[in-house]
Amino acid sequence: MFRRLIIEDWQRTLSLVGWMLFALVFVTSGLRAFLLPRTEVKKLEDLPLEKEFHE
């Protein structure tokens, strides 16, 4: 019923490349967020997230 998975070299390499790409994007976005100047952070804090509807 259960079979052993045979993982080829290219599949292992592709999964490692995908994981490394994810990690690179995650670390890059984290560094950009931590290195923002305080004035930019304040400007982003004041942005409205929802439209105000007056009915």
N, C-alpha and C. Protein backbone atom coordinates (compact mmCIF):
# COMPACT_ATOMS: atom_id res chain seq x y z
N MET A 1 0.82 -1.18 0.00
CA MET A 1 0.00 0.00 0.00
C MET A 1 0.87 1.26 0.00
N PHE A 2 1.84 1.31 0.87
CA PHE A 2 2.74 2.45 0.88
C PHE A 2 3.98 2.12 0.07
N ARG A 3 4.36 3.09 -0.74
CA ARG A 3 5.58 2.90 -1.54
C ARG A 3 6.61 3.92 -1.09
N ARG A 4 7.80 3.58 -1.31
CA ARG A 4 8.88 4.49 -0.95
C ARG A 4 9.00 5.57 -2.03
N LEU A 5 9.09 6.83 -1.61
CA LEU A 5 9.24 7.92 -2.57
C LEU A 5 10.67 7.96 -3.08
N ILE A 6 10.79 8.04 -4.36
CA ILE A 6 12.11 8.17 -4.96
C ILE A 6 12.25 9.61 -5.44
N ILE A 7 13.11 10.34 -4.79
CA ILE A 7 13.31 11.75 -5.12
C ILE A 7 14.57 11.86 -5.96
N GLU A 8 14.41 12.41 -7.13
CA GLU A 8 15.54 12.58 -8.04
C GLU A 8 16.38 13.78 -7.60
N ASP A 9 17.58 13.86 -8.12
CA ASP A 9 18.47 14.98 -7.77
C ASP A 9 17.90 16.32 -8.19
N TRP A 10 17.29 16.38 -9.39
CA TRP A 10 16.76 17.66 -9.85
C TRP A 10 15.58 18.10 -8.99
N GLN A 11 14.82 17.19 -8.44
CA GLN A 11 13.70 17.56 -7.56
C GLN A 11 14.22 18.11 -6.24
N ARG A 12 15.25 17.50 -5.72
CA ARG A 12 15.85 17.99 -4.48
C ARG A 12 16.45 19.38 -4.70
N THR A 13 17.13 19.55 -5.81
CA THR A 13 17.74 20.84 -6.13
C THR A 13 16.68 21.92 -6.32
N LEU A 14 15.60 21.57 -7.01
CA LEU A 14 14.53 22.53 -7.25
C LEU A 14 13.87 22.96 -5.95
N SER A 15 13.65 22.03 -5.03
CA SER A 15 13.04 22.39 -3.75
C SER A 15 13.98 23.25 -2.91
N LEU A 16 15.27 22.99 -2.96
CA LEU A 16 16.24 23.84 -2.24
C LEU A 16 16.30 25.24 -2.83
N VAL A 17 16.25 25.34 -4.14
CA VAL A 17 16.26 26.65 -4.80
C VAL A 17 15.00 27.42 -4.42
N GLY A 18 13.85 26.75 -4.39
CA GLY A 18 12.61 27.41 -4.00
C GLY A 18 12.65 27.90 -2.56
N TRP A 19 13.19 27.07 -1.68
CA TRP A 19 13.30 27.48 -0.28
C TRP A 19 14.25 28.66 -0.12
N MET A 20 15.36 28.63 -0.83
CA MET A 20 16.33 29.72 -0.75
C MET A 20 15.74 31.02 -1.30
N LEU A 21 14.95 30.93 -2.36
CA LEU A 21 14.30 32.11 -2.91
C LEU A 21 13.31 32.70 -1.91
N PHE A 22 12.53 31.84 -1.27
CA PHE A 22 11.60 32.31 -0.24
C PHE A 22 12.35 32.98 0.91
N ALA A 23 13.42 32.36 1.38
CA ALA A 23 14.19 32.92 2.48
C ALA A 23 14.81 34.26 2.09
N LEU A 24 15.31 34.37 0.87
CA LEU A 24 15.90 35.62 0.41
C LEU A 24 14.87 36.75 0.38
N VAL A 25 13.68 36.47 -0.13
CA VAL A 25 12.62 37.48 -0.17
C VAL A 25 12.20 37.86 1.24
N PHE A 26 12.07 36.88 2.13
CA PHE A 26 11.65 37.14 3.51
C PHE A 26 12.68 38.00 4.24
N VAL A 27 13.93 37.64 4.15
CA VAL A 27 14.99 38.39 4.83
C VAL A 27 15.13 39.80 4.24
N THR A 28 15.03 39.92 2.93
CA THR A 28 15.14 41.23 2.28
C THR A 28 14.01 42.15 2.71
N SER A 29 12.78 41.64 2.74
CA SER A 29 11.66 42.48 3.15
C SER A 29 11.77 42.85 4.63
N GLY A 30 12.26 41.94 5.45
CA GLY A 30 12.46 42.26 6.86
C GLY A 30 13.51 43.33 7.07
N LEU A 31 14.61 43.22 6.35
CA LEU A 31 15.67 44.24 6.46
C LEU A 31 15.18 45.61 5.98
N ARG A 32 14.43 45.61 4.89
CA ARG A 32 13.90 46.89 4.40
C ARG A 32 12.98 47.52 5.43
N ALA A 33 12.17 46.71 6.10
CA ALA A 33 11.25 47.24 7.11
C ALA A 33 12.01 47.79 8.31
N PHE A 34 13.05 47.11 8.74
CA PHE A 34 13.81 47.56 9.90
C PHE A 34 14.70 48.77 9.60
N LEU A 35 15.08 48.95 8.35
CA LEU A 35 15.98 50.05 8.01
C LEU A 35 15.27 51.29 7.48
N LEU A 36 13.93 51.32 7.54
CA LEU A 36 13.20 52.51 7.10
C LEU A 36 13.48 53.68 8.04
N PRO A 37 13.64 54.87 7.48
CA PRO A 37 13.82 56.04 8.35
C PRO A 37 12.54 56.33 9.14
N ARG A 38 12.70 56.96 10.29
CA ARG A 38 11.55 57.24 11.16
C ARG A 38 10.50 58.10 10.48
N THR A 39 10.92 59.04 9.63
CA THR A 39 9.94 59.89 8.94
C THR A 39 9.07 59.07 7.99
N GLU A 40 9.66 58.10 7.34
CA GLU A 40 8.90 57.24 6.42
C GLU A 40 7.94 56.35 7.20
N VAL A 41 8.37 55.86 8.35
CA VAL A 41 7.51 55.03 9.20
C VAL A 41 6.30 55.85 9.65
N LYS A 42 6.54 57.09 10.06
CA LYS A 42 5.45 57.96 10.52
C LYS A 42 4.47 58.23 9.38
N LYS A 43 5.00 58.44 8.17
CA LYS A 43 4.14 58.69 7.02
C LYS A 43 3.29 57.46 6.70
N LEU A 44 3.87 56.29 6.80
CA LEU A 44 3.12 55.06 6.53
C LEU A 44 2.10 54.75 7.62
N GLU A 45 2.41 55.16 8.87
CA GLU A 45 1.46 54.95 9.97
C GLU A 45 0.20 55.78 9.78
N ASP A 46 0.33 56.93 9.16
CA ASP A 46 -0.81 57.84 9.02
C ASP A 46 -1.68 57.53 7.80
N LEU A 47 -1.31 56.56 6.99
CA LEU A 47 -2.12 56.22 5.82
C LEU A 47 -3.43 55.56 6.26
N PRO A 48 -4.54 55.97 5.63
CA PRO A 48 -5.81 55.31 5.97
C PRO A 48 -5.87 53.93 5.33
N LEU A 49 -6.37 52.95 6.07
CA LEU A 49 -6.46 51.59 5.56
C LEU A 49 -7.81 51.29 4.94
N GLU A 50 -8.83 52.02 5.34
CA GLU A 50 -10.17 51.80 4.81
C GLU A 50 -10.74 53.13 4.32
N LYS A 51 -11.57 53.03 3.28
CA LYS A 51 -12.25 54.23 2.80
C LYS A 51 -13.38 54.55 3.76
N GLU A 52 -13.60 55.83 3.95
CA GLU A 52 -14.70 56.25 4.80
C GLU A 52 -15.92 56.54 3.93
N PHE A 53 -17.01 55.87 4.22
CA PHE A 53 -18.24 56.08 3.48
C PHE A 53 -19.21 56.84 4.37
N HIS A 54 -19.76 57.89 3.81
CA HIS A 54 -20.75 58.68 4.55
C HIS A 54 -22.10 58.43 3.93
N GLU A 55 -22.93 57.66 4.61
CA GLU A 55 -24.25 57.35 4.07
C GLU A 55 -25.32 57.98 4.91
